[in-house]
Amino acid sequence: MSIDWLAFGQVFLAALAGAAVLVGLYSLGLRLLVTGGRPPVVPPQEFPDAITVMSEKARRKAERKAEKAAQRVPLTDRQKRTVLSFAYLCFGLCACAIVGAVLVIFLFH
């Protein structure tokens, strides 16, 4: 049994580069999403079968935090649209990278 170390190194570098690109695009997309005025902070929801139920005080605090985060945008409407379009572009590129990797695995394996 012999190991092709060159192929192993190529796969390692490709996986490392792919992970770095994917994480970088996703984090850039999240940052642009927050900058554009749509932070991923959502008001809490209560589920009847949840283990922990939030108190009324905690629920109000989380709702205020979500509203406050949405109001902190010093950009004009056009700038917001531009930033949000770049954020969605980053998320789309993440999806394309994932779909492309899965296709490479299935088609060329």
C-alpha atoms as a PDB file:
ATOM      1  CA  MET A   1       0.000   0.000   0.000  1.00  0.00           C
ATOM      2  CA  SER A   2       1.375   3.382  -0.966  1.00  0.00           C
ATOM      3  CA  ILE A   3       0.079   6.872  -0.386  1.00  0.00           C
ATOM      4  CA  ASP A   4       0.204   9.464  -3.129  1.00  0.00           C
ATOM      5  CA  TRP A   5       1.324  12.384  -0.985  1.00  0.00           C
ATOM      6  CA  LEU A   6       1.129  14.871  -3.838  1.00  0.00           C
ATOM      7  CA  ALA A   7      -2.556  14.082  -4.395  1.00  0.00           C
ATOM      8  CA  PHE A   8      -3.148  14.226  -0.654  1.00  0.00           C
ATOM      9  CA  GLY A   9      -1.542  17.675  -0.519  1.00  0.00           C
ATOM     10  CA  GLN A  10      -3.622  18.884  -3.460  1.00  0.00           C
ATOM     11  CA  VAL A  11      -6.848  17.759  -1.821  1.00  0.00           C
ATOM     12  CA  PHE A  12      -5.795  19.325   1.470  1.00  0.00           C
ATOM     13  CA  LEU A  13      -4.983  22.678  -0.150  1.00  0.00           C
ATOM     14  CA  ALA A  14      -8.190  22.649  -2.209  1.00  0.00           C
ATOM     15  CA  ALA A  15     -10.278  21.944   0.899  1.00  0.00           C
ATOM     16  CA  LEU A  16      -8.466  24.626   2.888  1.00  0.00           C
ATOM     17  CA  ALA A  17      -8.888  27.209   0.124  1.00  0.00           C
ATOM     18  CA  GLY A  18     -12.538  26.287  -0.389  1.00  0.00           C
ATOM     19  CA  ALA A  19     -13.294  26.600   3.307  1.00  0.00           C
ATOM     20  CA  ALA A  20     -11.514  29.953   3.507  1.00  0.00           C
ATOM     21  CA  VAL A  21     -13.418  31.311   0.500  1.00  0.00           C
ATOM     22  CA  LEU A  22     -16.753  30.039   1.802  1.00  0.00           C
ATOM     23  CA  VAL A  23     -16.265  31.426   5.311  1.00  0.00           C
ATOM     24  CA  GLY A  24     -14.928  34.697   3.936  1.00  0.00           C
ATOM     25  CA  LEU A  25     -17.886  35.212   1.594  1.00  0.00           C
ATOM     26  CA  TYR A  26     -20.408  34.308   4.269  1.00  0.00           C
ATOM     27  CA  SER A  27     -18.879  36.619   6.868  1.00  0.00           C
ATOM     28  CA  LEU A  28     -18.626  39.450   4.320  1.00  0.00           C
ATOM     29  CA  GLY A  29     -22.276  38.879   3.409  1.00  0.00           C
ATOM     30  CA  LEU A  30     -23.316  39.051   7.060  1.00  0.00           C
ATOM     31  CA  ARG A  31     -21.289  42.218   7.600  1.00  0.00           C
ATOM     32  CA  LEU A  32     -22.850  43.861   4.553  1.00  0.00           C
ATOM     33  CA  LEU A  33     -26.287  42.737   5.682  1.00  0.00           C
ATOM     34  CA  VAL A  34     -25.813  44.477   9.024  1.00  0.00           C
ATOM     35  CA  THR A  35     -24.367  47.564   7.354  1.00  0.00           C
ATOM     36  CA  GLY A  36     -27.344  47.700   5.007  1.00  0.00           C
ATOM     37  CA  GLY A  37     -29.815  47.815   7.868  1.00  0.00           C
ATOM     38  CA  ARG A  38     -31.068  44.250   7.946  1.00  0.00           C
ATOM     39  CA  PRO A  39     -29.304  42.641  10.894  1.00  0.00           C
ATOM     40  CA  PRO A  40     -30.018  38.960  11.439  1.00  0.00           C
ATOM     41  CA  VAL A  41     -31.522  39.749  14.852  1.00  0.00           C
ATOM     42  CA  VAL A  42     -35.074  38.517  15.045  1.00  0.00           C
ATOM     43  CA  PRO A  43     -37.620  38.952  17.799  1.00  0.00           C
ATOM     44  CA  PRO A  44     -37.979  35.833  19.901  1.00  0.00           C
ATOM     45  CA  GLN A  45     -40.757  33.372  19.271  1.00  0.00           C
ATOM     46  CA  GLU A  46     -42.314  31.098  21.829  1.00  0.00           C
ATOM     47  CA  PHE A  47     -42.986  27.510  20.968  1.00  0.00           C
ATOM     48  CA  PRO A  48     -45.438  25.473  23.023  1.00  0.00           C
ATOM     49  CA  ASP A  49     -43.134  22.473  23.280  1.00  0.00           C
ATOM     50  CA  ALA A  50     -40.004  24.479  24.136  1.00  0.00           C
ATOM     51  CA  ILE A  51     -37.983  23.457  27.145  1.00  0.00           C
ATOM     52  CA  THR A  52     -37.326  27.036  28.241  1.00  0.00           C
ATOM     53  CA  VAL A  53     -39.981  29.709  27.940  1.00  0.00           C
ATOM     54  CA  MET A  54     -38.764  33.301  27.844  1.00  0.00           C
ATOM     55  CA  SER A  55     -40.066  35.684  30.429  1.00  0.00           C
ATOM     56  CA  GLU A  56     -42.036  38.730  29.315  1.00  0.00           C
ATOM     57  CA  LYS A  57     -39.162  41.002  30.333  1.00  0.00           C
ATOM     58  CA  ALA A  58     -36.620  39.038  28.287  1.00  0.00           C
ATOM     59  CA  ARG A  59     -38.954  38.997  25.278  1.00  0.00           C
ATOM     60  CA  ARG A  60     -39.450  42.787  25.404  1.00  0.00           C
ATOM     61  CA  LYS A  61     -35.697  43.319  25.770  1.00  0.00           C
ATOM     62  CA  ALA A  62     -34.962  41.151  22.723  1.00  0.00           C
ATOM     63  CA  GLU A  63     -37.616  42.958  20.668  1.00  0.00           C
ATOM     64  CA  ARG A  64     -36.157  46.355  21.615  1.00  0.00           C
ATOM     65  CA  LYS A  65     -32.694  45.121  20.687  1.00  0.00           C
ATOM     66  CA  ALA A  66     -33.923  43.999  17.256  1.00  0.00           C
ATOM     67  CA  GLU A  67     -35.679  47.324  16.629  1.00  0.00           C
ATOM     68  CA  LYS A  68     -32.643  49.304  17.784  1.00  0.00           C
ATOM     69  CA  ALA A  69     -30.293  47.320  15.553  1.00  0.00           C
ATOM     70  CA  ALA A  70     -32.519  47.981  12.544  1.00  0.00           C
ATOM     71  CA  GLN A  71     -32.529  51.748  13.168  1.00  0.00           C
ATOM     72  CA  ARG A  72     -28.732  52.306  13.349  1.00  0.00           C
ATOM     73  CA  VAL A  73     -28.107  52.804   9.625  1.00  0.00           C
ATOM     74  CA  PRO A  74     -26.581  56.162   8.576  1.00  0.00           C
ATOM     75  CA  LEU A  75     -26.779  55.337   4.853  1.00  0.00           C
ATOM     76  CA  THR A  76     -29.051  56.767   2.207  1.00  0.00           C
ATOM     77  CA  ASP A  77     -31.652  54.510   0.637  1.00  0.00           C
ATOM     78  CA  ARG A  78     -29.556  54.064  -2.507  1.00  0.00           C
ATOM     79  CA  GLN A  79     -26.485  53.118  -0.464  1.00  0.00           C
ATOM     80  CA  LYS A  80     -28.558  50.646   1.538  1.00  0.00           C
ATOM     81  CA  ARG A  81     -29.823  48.995  -1.643  1.00  0.00           C
ATOM     82  CA  THR A  82     -26.291  48.773  -3.029  1.00  0.00           C
ATOM     83  CA  VAL A  83     -24.876  47.288   0.162  1.00  0.00           C
ATOM     84  CA  LEU A  84     -27.756  44.815   0.444  1.00  0.00           C
ATOM     85  CA  SER A  85     -27.349  43.746  -3.171  1.00  0.00           C
ATOM     86  CA  PHE A  86     -23.660  43.005  -2.509  1.00  0.00           C
ATOM     87  CA  ALA A  87     -24.646  41.071   0.623  1.00  0.00           C
ATOM     88  CA  TYR A  88     -27.078  38.941  -1.367  1.00  0.00           C
ATOM     89  CA  LEU A  89     -24.413  38.502  -4.045  1.00  0.00           C
ATOM     90  CA  CYS A  90     -22.036  37.137  -1.385  1.00  0.00           C
ATOM     91  CA  PHE A  91     -24.683  34.688  -0.174  1.00  0.00           C
ATOM     92  CA  GLY A  92     -25.383  33.663  -3.760  1.00  0.00           C
ATOM     93  CA  LEU A  93     -21.683  33.032  -4.358  1.00  0.00           C
ATOM     94  CA  CYS A  94     -21.628  30.888  -1.196  1.00  0.00           C
ATOM     95  CA  ALA A  95     -24.492  28.829  -2.562  1.00  0.00           C
ATOM     96  CA  CYS A  96     -22.762  28.506  -5.948  1.00  0.00           C
ATOM     97  CA  ALA A  97     -19.543  27.367  -4.277  1.00  0.00           C
ATOM     98  CA  ILE A  98     -21.386  24.689  -2.321  1.00  0.00           C
ATOM     99  CA  VAL A  99     -23.374  23.471  -5.326  1.00  0.00           C
ATOM    100  CA  GLY A 100     -20.207  23.507  -7.454  1.00  0.00           C
ATOM    101  CA  ALA A 101     -18.287  21.456  -4.887  1.00  0.00           C
ATOM    102  CA  VAL A 102     -21.089  18.899  -4.673  1.00  0.00           C
ATOM    103  CA  LEU A 103     -21.227  18.652  -8.475  1.00  0.00           C
ATOM    104  CA  VAL A 104     -17.460  18.163  -8.674  1.00  0.00           C
ATOM    105  CA  ILE A 105     -17.692  15.383  -6.121  1.00  0.00           C
ATOM    106  CA  PHE A 106     -20.558  13.605  -7.885  1.00  0.00           C
ATOM    107  CA  LEU A 107     -19.464  14.133 -11.483  1.00  0.00           C
ATOM    108  CA  PHE A 108     -15.723  13.543 -11.218  1.00  0.00           C
ATOM    109  CA  HIS A 109     -15.497  10.892  -8.559  1.00  0.00           C
END
